[in-house]
Amino acid sequence: MIKWLRWIAVLAIVAMVAAACNGDNGTGDGTTTAPPTTTEAGTTEPPPEPTTVGLVYDIGGRGDLSFNDSAAAGHDQATQDFGIEPQELEPNQGGTNREELMRLLADQGTDLIIGVGFLFSETVCKVAQDYPEVNFADVDGFIDATTCEGGSDLTEDSNIASLLFAEHQGSFLVGAAAAMKSTTGHIGFIGGVEIGLIQKFEAGFAAGARHVDPDITIDVQYISQPPDFSGFNDPAKGKEIAAGMYDGGADVVYHAAGGSGAGLFEAAKEASDAAGEQRWAIGVDSDQYQSAPPELQPYILTSMLKRVDVSVYESIAAQVDGNFVGGYLIFDLARDGVGYSTSGGFVDDIVPDLEELKAAIISGEIEVPDAV
């Protein structure tokens, strides 16, 4: 009996082997349906390639304690949050190689290329036409049909986004702060280069100051005239102009002059020491109290925040999500694209007043001029 059982077991094994050799999976058609091959970790798709982002700074580059550094902050945050593959380039002192740098990034297949500054407008327009598969963004650059040969007004389907700001709205708030804090009824404005963009800062600053004190005196001076753009990177000249304003009776001075603003802060300290009274400086673009040397921080009343970091970060986030949108993106008070800083606590006593003005601007009750 045991012997028969052994033979039955052997025959069963032979039958199973034969079925396997014949490819029979029980369907009766002689075909097999093999189970998927798995590993201990399970089957997974290869991870997607990281989004590549190229940031081309304006003259002065990372470390200018102002406009470029604000862009760098947004770029750094996006790198941390999204694991992008970042690249950073800086033009030469004359800015003559902007196009070369952008084409270098485009040739490498970079997904998104961001130019930091309105001086990139023509270059972005030109390069974007030659690389339609690459997305571009220009911080501060208004690009339309007149920007470059063959260009056109932007739409949501464009591979270019103009990242624009309501600088006049933020400047209105720091102008109001200047008037509230001034004890002499005399303040000043220093512009880097006298162009329409910087005049927006001046217009808003003057409007805010006069909203508080219609009789206030406002000194205005620009460091350079186009096509000379050195006014954005000349701290020595910024200091000289600021010193003249303080000597002339101004006790609060606001700059929209990029790297030249470092000279303003030095002048505010020296003027305060000489007069034995507080002289204030107002920064721009980023919270310049945070980046200034400790010995200069006590003289920085506030800064007009132009959230270049927000615009850069949001552009990268949209690219990572596959939701890049071209056209004109406006970063205003309602979008937290502009504002003012409170570091140092020097404006804490007037924050409620500034917030009321902010709400009035957002609601449309106050219309801020954007031209002088």
Protein backbone atom coordinates (compact mmCIF):
# COMPACT_ATOMS: atom_id res chain seq x y z
CA MET A 1 0.00 0.00 0.00
CA ILE A 2 2.81 2.37 0.92
CA LYS A 3 4.56 1.54 -2.37
CA TRP A 4 1.44 2.53 -4.35
CA LEU A 5 1.16 5.79 -2.48
CA ARG A 6 4.79 6.58 -3.36
CA TRP A 7 4.09 5.94 -7.07
CA ILE A 8 1.00 8.14 -6.99
CA ALA A 9 3.04 10.98 -5.48
CA VAL A 10 5.76 10.57 -8.13
CA LEU A 11 3.18 10.61 -10.96
CA ALA A 12 1.62 13.78 -9.52
CA ILE A 13 4.97 15.55 -9.51
CA VAL A 14 5.68 14.43 -13.10
CA ALA A 15 2.28 15.76 -14.19
CA MET A 16 3.00 19.13 -12.57
CA VAL A 17 6.40 19.39 -14.26
CA ALA A 18 4.86 18.48 -17.63
CA ALA A 19 2.20 21.13 -17.27
CA ALA A 20 4.84 23.70 -16.50
CA CYS A 21 6.90 22.66 -19.54
CA ASN A 22 3.83 22.88 -21.76
CA GLY A 23 3.07 26.40 -20.44
CA ASP A 24 -0.39 25.40 -19.22
CA ASN A 25 -1.68 27.82 -16.59
CA GLY A 26 -5.05 26.15 -16.25
CA THR A 27 -6.74 28.19 -18.97
CA GLY A 28 -6.61 25.35 -21.40
CA ASP A 29 -4.95 27.33 -24.21
CA GLY A 30 -1.38 26.45 -23.36
CA THR A 31 -0.41 30.03 -22.41
CA THR A 32 1.03 31.25 -19.14
CA THR A 33 0.32 34.31 -17.07
CA ALA A 34 3.39 34.85 -14.92
CA PRO A 35 2.95 36.86 -11.74
CA PRO A 36 4.74 40.21 -11.66
CA THR A 37 8.32 40.16 -10.47
CA THR A 38 8.62 41.86 -7.14
CA THR A 39 11.42 42.67 -4.76
CA GLU A 40 11.34 42.82 -1.02
CA ALA A 41 10.71 46.58 -1.31
CA GLY A 42 7.97 46.13 -3.91
CA THR A 43 7.88 47.52 -7.43
CA THR A 44 8.48 51.30 -7.72
CA GLU A 45 8.89 53.73 -10.57
CA PRO A 46 12.18 55.62 -10.82
CA PRO A 47 11.99 59.05 -9.14
CA PRO A 48 11.41 62.01 -11.47
CA GLU A 49 14.31 64.21 -12.43
CA PRO A 50 14.57 67.29 -10.18
CA THR A 51 13.38 70.59 -11.62
CA THR A 52 16.33 72.68 -12.75
CA VAL A 53 16.22 76.41 -12.02
CA GLY A 54 18.73 79.02 -13.10
CA LEU A 55 18.94 82.39 -11.34
CA VAL A 56 20.87 85.15 -13.08
CA TYR A 57 21.52 88.02 -10.70
CA ASP A 58 21.65 91.69 -11.46
CA ILE A 59 24.97 93.54 -11.12
CA GLY A 60 26.26 93.21 -7.57
CA GLY A 61 25.03 89.64 -7.23
CA ARG A 62 24.40 87.71 -4.04
CA GLY A 63 25.62 89.72 -1.10
CA ASP A 64 24.29 93.16 -2.09
CA LEU A 65 22.16 93.18 1.10
CA SER A 66 19.19 94.30 -0.97
CA PHE A 67 17.51 93.31 -4.25
CA ASN A 68 19.70 90.37 -5.26
CA ASP A 69 19.77 88.96 -1.76
CA SER A 70 15.99 88.99 -1.63
CA ALA A 71 15.89 86.93 -4.84
CA ALA A 72 18.52 84.61 -3.39
CA ALA A 73 16.38 84.06 -0.28
CA GLY A 74 13.44 82.87 -2.39
CA HIS A 75 15.73 80.67 -4.45
CA ASP A 76 17.29 79.15 -1.32
CA GLN A 77 13.91 78.44 0.25
CA ALA A 78 12.64 76.75 -2.91
CA THR A 79 15.79 74.64 -3.08
CA GLN A 80 15.17 73.49 0.48
CA ASP A 81 11.44 72.88 0.05
CA PHE A 82 11.35 71.28 -3.40
CA GLY A 83 14.77 69.74 -3.86
CA ILE A 84 15.34 71.63 -7.11
CA GLU A 85 18.64 71.59 -8.89
CA PRO A 86 19.75 75.23 -8.59
CA GLN A 87 22.24 77.26 -10.55
CA GLU A 88 23.30 80.85 -9.88
CA LEU A 89 25.15 83.14 -12.25
CA GLU A 90 26.18 86.79 -12.05
CA PRO A 91 26.87 89.14 -14.98
CA ASN A 92 30.13 90.99 -15.35
CA GLN A 93 30.51 94.51 -13.98
CA GLY A 94 29.12 96.08 -17.14
CA GLY A 95 26.32 93.55 -17.45
CA THR A 96 27.28 92.92 -21.07
CA ASN A 97 27.08 89.12 -20.81
CA ARG A 98 23.48 88.75 -19.61
CA GLU A 99 22.37 87.10 -22.84
CA GLU A 100 25.37 84.77 -22.87
CA LEU A 101 24.55 83.55 -19.36
CA MET A 102 20.88 82.98 -20.15
CA ARG A 103 21.70 81.07 -23.33
CA LEU A 104 24.19 78.96 -21.40
CA LEU A 105 21.43 77.89 -19.01
CA ALA A 106 18.94 77.34 -21.83
CA ASP A 107 21.42 75.17 -23.75
CA GLN A 108 21.73 72.99 -20.66
CA GLY A 109 17.99 72.32 -20.75
CA THR A 110 17.19 74.32 -17.61
CA ASP A 111 13.46 74.17 -16.88
CA LEU A 112 13.06 77.71 -15.51
CA ILE A 113 15.40 80.66 -15.91
CA ILE A 114 14.89 83.79 -13.81
CA GLY A 115 16.49 87.15 -14.55
CA VAL A 116 16.78 89.42 -11.51
CA GLY A 117 16.09 92.99 -12.60
CA PHE A 118 14.41 95.05 -15.29
CA LEU A 119 17.67 95.22 -17.25
CA PHE A 120 17.03 91.60 -18.28
CA SER A 121 13.79 92.45 -20.10
CA GLU A 122 15.13 92.62 -23.64
CA THR A 123 17.43 89.64 -23.08
CA VAL A 124 14.66 87.46 -21.64
CA CYS A 125 12.36 88.37 -24.52
CA LYS A 126 15.00 87.54 -27.11
CA VAL A 127 16.24 84.27 -25.59
CA ALA A 128 12.74 83.02 -24.79
CA GLN A 129 11.82 83.23 -28.48
CA ASP A 130 14.70 80.90 -29.33
CA TYR A 131 13.93 78.42 -26.54
CA PRO A 132 10.14 77.95 -26.49
CA GLU A 133 10.46 74.77 -24.42
CA VAL A 134 12.10 76.68 -21.55
CA ASN A 135 10.17 78.91 -19.14
CA PHE A 136 11.48 82.33 -18.17
CA ALA A 137 10.65 84.91 -15.50
CA ASP A 138 11.94 88.45 -15.17
CA VAL A 139 11.82 90.18 -11.80
CA ASP A 140 10.76 93.80 -12.36
CA GLY A 141 10.86 93.45 -16.13
CA PHE A 142 7.81 94.58 -18.07
CA ILE A 143 7.92 92.69 -21.37
CA ASP A 144 5.55 93.51 -24.22
CA ALA A 145 5.46 93.83 -28.00
CA THR A 146 7.95 96.72 -27.91
CA THR A 147 10.54 95.04 -25.70
CA CYS A 148 12.44 93.23 -28.41
CA GLU A 149 12.22 92.54 -32.13
CA GLY A 150 9.53 89.98 -32.83
CA GLY A 151 8.23 90.20 -29.28
CA SER A 152 4.59 90.38 -28.28
CA ASP A 153 2.43 91.19 -25.30
CA LEU A 154 2.47 88.34 -22.80
CA THR A 155 -0.42 85.98 -22.12
CA GLU A 156 -0.96 83.12 -19.68
CA ASP A 157 0.27 80.75 -22.39
CA SER A 158 3.56 82.61 -22.86
CA ASN A 159 6.79 80.99 -21.71
CA ILE A 160 7.62 84.31 -20.00
CA ALA A 161 6.28 85.75 -16.76
CA SER A 162 6.87 89.40 -15.85
CA LEU A 163 7.10 89.55 -12.05
CA LEU A 164 6.00 93.07 -11.17
CA PHE A 165 5.46 94.91 -7.88
CA ALA A 166 3.39 97.75 -6.45
CA GLU A 167 6.47 99.54 -5.12
CA HIS A 168 4.52 102.76 -4.76
CA GLN A 169 2.14 101.13 -2.26
CA GLY A 170 4.91 99.89 0.04
CA SER A 171 6.74 103.21 -0.33
CA PHE A 172 3.57 105.05 0.74
CA LEU A 173 3.68 103.22 4.07
CA VAL A 174 7.34 103.97 4.80
CA GLY A 175 6.77 107.56 3.67
CA ALA A 176 4.00 107.80 6.24
CA ALA A 177 6.34 106.29 8.84
CA ALA A 178 9.03 108.84 7.96
CA ALA A 179 6.62 111.73 8.46
CA MET A 180 5.33 110.30 11.75
CA LYS A 181 8.86 109.88 13.11
CA SER A 182 10.39 113.11 11.79
CA THR A 183 10.90 115.84 14.36
CA THR A 184 12.16 118.40 11.85
CA GLY A 185 9.41 118.12 9.25
CA HIS A 186 12.18 117.47 6.70
CA ILE A 187 12.95 114.11 5.07
CA GLY A 188 14.80 112.80 2.01
CA PHE A 189 14.69 110.28 -0.84
CA ILE A 190 17.73 108.84 -2.68
CA GLY A 191 17.14 107.02 -5.95
CA GLY A 192 19.72 104.83 -7.63
CA VAL A 193 18.98 105.75 -11.24
CA GLU A 194 16.32 108.19 -12.41
CA ILE A 195 14.05 105.89 -14.38
CA GLY A 196 10.30 105.25 -14.27
CA LEU A 197 10.65 102.22 -12.02
CA ILE A 198 12.53 104.09 -9.27
CA GLN A 199 10.26 107.09 -9.62
CA LYS A 200 7.45 104.78 -8.46
CA PHE A 201 9.26 104.53 -5.12
CA GLU A 202 9.65 108.30 -4.97
CA ALA A 203 6.01 108.95 -5.86
CA GLY A 204 4.68 106.58 -3.22
CA PHE A 205 7.09 107.80 -0.54
CA ALA A 206 6.17 111.44 -1.09
CA ALA A 207 2.45 110.66 -1.16
CA GLY A 208 2.63 108.75 2.12
CA ALA A 209 4.62 111.48 3.84
CA ARG A 210 2.28 114.21 2.64
CA HIS A 211 -0.75 112.19 3.66
CA VAL A 212 0.53 112.52 7.23
CA ASP A 213 2.04 116.02 6.95
CA PRO A 214 0.99 118.08 3.90
CA ASP A 215 3.67 120.70 4.69
CA ILE A 216 6.62 118.32 5.02
CA THR A 217 9.84 119.13 3.10
CA ILE A 218 11.17 116.29 0.93
CA ASP A 219 14.65 116.35 -0.61
CA VAL A 220 15.05 114.17 -3.71
CA GLN A 221 18.29 113.22 -5.44
CA TYR A 222 19.32 110.45 -7.85
CA ILE A 223 22.82 109.00 -7.94
CA SER A 224 23.06 108.51 -11.72
CA GLN A 225 21.12 109.04 -14.92
CA PRO A 226 20.48 106.40 -17.60
CA PRO A 227 22.20 104.87 -19.44
CA ASP A 228 24.58 105.00 -16.47
CA PHE A 229 23.25 102.43 -13.99
CA SER A 230 26.16 102.66 -11.57
CA GLY A 231 23.83 104.37 -9.10
CA PHE A 232 22.66 100.97 -7.94
CA ASN A 233 26.11 99.95 -6.75
CA ASP A 234 27.91 103.05 -5.48
CA PRO A 235 27.82 103.14 -1.66
CA ALA A 236 30.32 106.01 -1.50
CA LYS A 237 28.08 108.26 -3.58
CA GLY A 238 25.02 107.16 -1.61
CA LYS A 239 26.79 108.14 1.61
CA GLU A 240 27.81 111.52 0.20
CA ILE A 241 24.27 112.40 -0.88
CA ALA A 242 22.76 111.21 2.41
CA ALA A 243 25.27 113.21 4.45
CA GLY A 244 24.29 116.32 2.50
CA MET A 245 20.60 115.72 3.24
CA TYR A 246 21.21 115.23 6.96
CA ASP A 247 23.39 118.36 7.05
CA GLY A 248 20.56 120.21 5.32
CA GLY A 249 18.04 119.37 8.03
CA ALA A 250 16.51 116.05 7.01
CA ASP A 251 16.24 113.57 9.86
CA VAL A 252 14.81 110.59 7.92
CA VAL A 253 16.13 109.45 4.52
CA TYR A 254 14.76 106.61 2.36
CA HIS A 255 16.76 104.97 -0.41
CA ALA A 256 15.77 102.98 -3.47
CA ALA A 257 19.31 102.50 -4.69
CA GLY A 258 20.27 98.85 -4.33
CA GLY A 259 23.79 98.36 -3.02
CA SER A 260 24.32 102.11 -2.72
CA GLY A 261 22.04 102.07 0.32
CA ALA A 262 24.89 100.78 2.48
CA GLY A 263 26.33 104.29 2.29
CA LEU A 264 23.07 105.77 3.60
CA PHE A 265 23.24 103.67 6.75
CA GLU A 266 26.80 104.80 7.45
CA ALA A 267 25.79 108.41 6.92
CA ALA A 268 22.85 108.06 9.34
CA LYS A 269 25.17 106.85 12.10
CA GLU A 270 27.73 109.57 11.50
CA ALA A 271 25.07 112.28 11.33
CA SER A 272 23.49 111.03 14.56
CA ASP A 273 26.84 111.02 16.32
CA ALA A 274 27.68 114.52 15.07
CA ALA A 275 24.29 116.04 15.94
CA GLY A 276 23.79 114.19 19.19
CA GLU A 277 20.28 113.43 17.95
CA GLN A 278 18.67 110.50 16.17
CA ARG A 279 18.93 110.45 12.39
CA TRP A 280 17.05 107.67 10.64
CA ALA A 281 17.57 105.67 7.44
CA ILE A 282 14.93 103.59 5.68
CA GLY A 283 16.00 100.51 3.73
CA VAL A 284 14.46 98.90 0.68
CA ASP A 285 13.61 95.56 -0.94
CA SER A 286 14.62 93.31 1.99
CA ASP A 287 14.62 93.85 5.75
CA GLN A 288 17.94 95.67 5.81
CA TYR A 289 18.03 95.85 9.59
CA GLN A 290 18.62 92.09 9.54
CA SER A 291 21.54 92.25 7.13
CA ALA A 292 23.22 95.44 8.39
CA PRO A 293 26.23 95.35 10.73
CA PRO A 294 25.16 95.58 14.39
CA GLU A 295 26.63 99.06 14.77
CA LEU A 296 24.33 100.39 12.01
CA GLN A 297 21.11 98.64 13.04
CA PRO A 298 20.08 101.36 15.57
CA TYR A 299 19.72 103.83 12.68
CA ILE A 300 17.47 101.80 10.37
CA LEU A 301 13.91 102.87 11.15
CA THR A 302 12.25 100.36 8.83
CA SER A 303 12.57 98.96 5.31
CA MET A 304 10.14 98.92 2.43
CA LEU A 305 9.76 95.23 1.73
CA LYS A 306 9.63 94.38 -1.94
CA ARG A 307 9.05 90.66 -1.73
CA VAL A 308 11.30 89.56 -4.55
CA ASP A 309 11.78 86.39 -2.51
CA VAL A 310 8.05 85.68 -2.70
CA SER A 311 7.93 86.20 -6.46
CA VAL A 312 10.94 83.95 -7.07
CA TYR A 313 9.66 81.27 -4.69
CA GLU A 314 6.14 81.24 -6.18
CA SER A 315 7.52 81.05 -9.72
CA ILE A 316 9.66 78.05 -8.83
CA ALA A 317 6.78 76.38 -6.97
CA ALA A 318 4.55 76.76 -10.02
CA GLN A 319 7.24 75.23 -12.25
CA VAL A 320 7.73 72.28 -9.88
CA ASP A 321 3.97 71.67 -9.80
CA GLY A 322 3.69 71.90 -13.59
CA ASN A 323 1.52 75.01 -13.27
CA PHE A 324 3.78 77.71 -14.69
CA VAL A 325 1.72 80.64 -15.94
CA GLY A 326 3.05 83.34 -18.21
CA GLY A 327 1.92 86.95 -18.40
CA TYR A 328 2.00 89.79 -15.90
CA LEU A 329 1.99 88.83 -12.21
CA ILE A 330 1.51 91.77 -9.85
CA PHE A 331 2.74 91.49 -6.27
CA ASP A 332 0.97 94.24 -4.28
CA LEU A 333 -0.11 94.88 -0.69
CA ALA A 334 -3.11 92.58 -1.04
CA ARG A 335 -0.78 89.75 -2.09
CA ASP A 336 1.89 90.59 0.50
CA GLY A 337 4.16 91.47 -2.39
CA VAL A 338 5.21 94.71 -0.69
CA GLY A 339 5.10 95.99 2.87
CA TYR A 340 7.30 97.31 5.67
CA SER A 341 9.54 95.78 8.32
CA THR A 342 9.31 96.14 12.09
CA SER A 343 12.75 94.81 13.08
CA GLY A 344 14.33 96.80 15.87
CA GLY A 345 10.96 97.83 17.25
CA PHE A 346 11.40 101.46 16.14
CA VAL A 347 7.97 101.67 14.48
CA ASP A 348 6.05 99.57 16.98
CA ASP A 349 4.23 102.64 18.31
CA ILE A 350 2.91 103.58 14.86
CA VAL A 351 2.13 100.10 13.51
CA PRO A 352 -1.62 100.51 14.18
CA ASP A 353 -1.62 103.69 12.09
CA LEU A 354 0.35 102.05 9.29
CA GLU A 355 -1.99 99.08 9.28
CA GLU A 356 -4.99 101.39 8.92
CA LEU A 357 -3.32 103.01 5.91
CA LYS A 358 -2.50 99.57 4.47
CA ALA A 359 -6.15 98.50 4.76
CA ALA A 360 -7.30 101.73 3.13
CA ILE A 361 -4.97 101.15 0.18
CA ILE A 362 -6.10 97.54 -0.25
CA SER A 363 -9.77 98.57 -0.15
CA GLY A 364 -9.20 101.34 -2.68
CA GLU A 365 -10.04 104.11 -0.27
CA ILE A 366 -6.53 105.49 -0.80
CA GLU A 367 -5.16 105.50 -4.33
CA VAL A 368 -1.38 105.74 -4.37
CA PRO A 369 0.24 107.53 -7.34
CA ASP A 370 2.85 105.53 -9.25
CA ALA A 371 4.53 108.39 -11.10
CA VAL A 372 6.02 111.73 -10.08
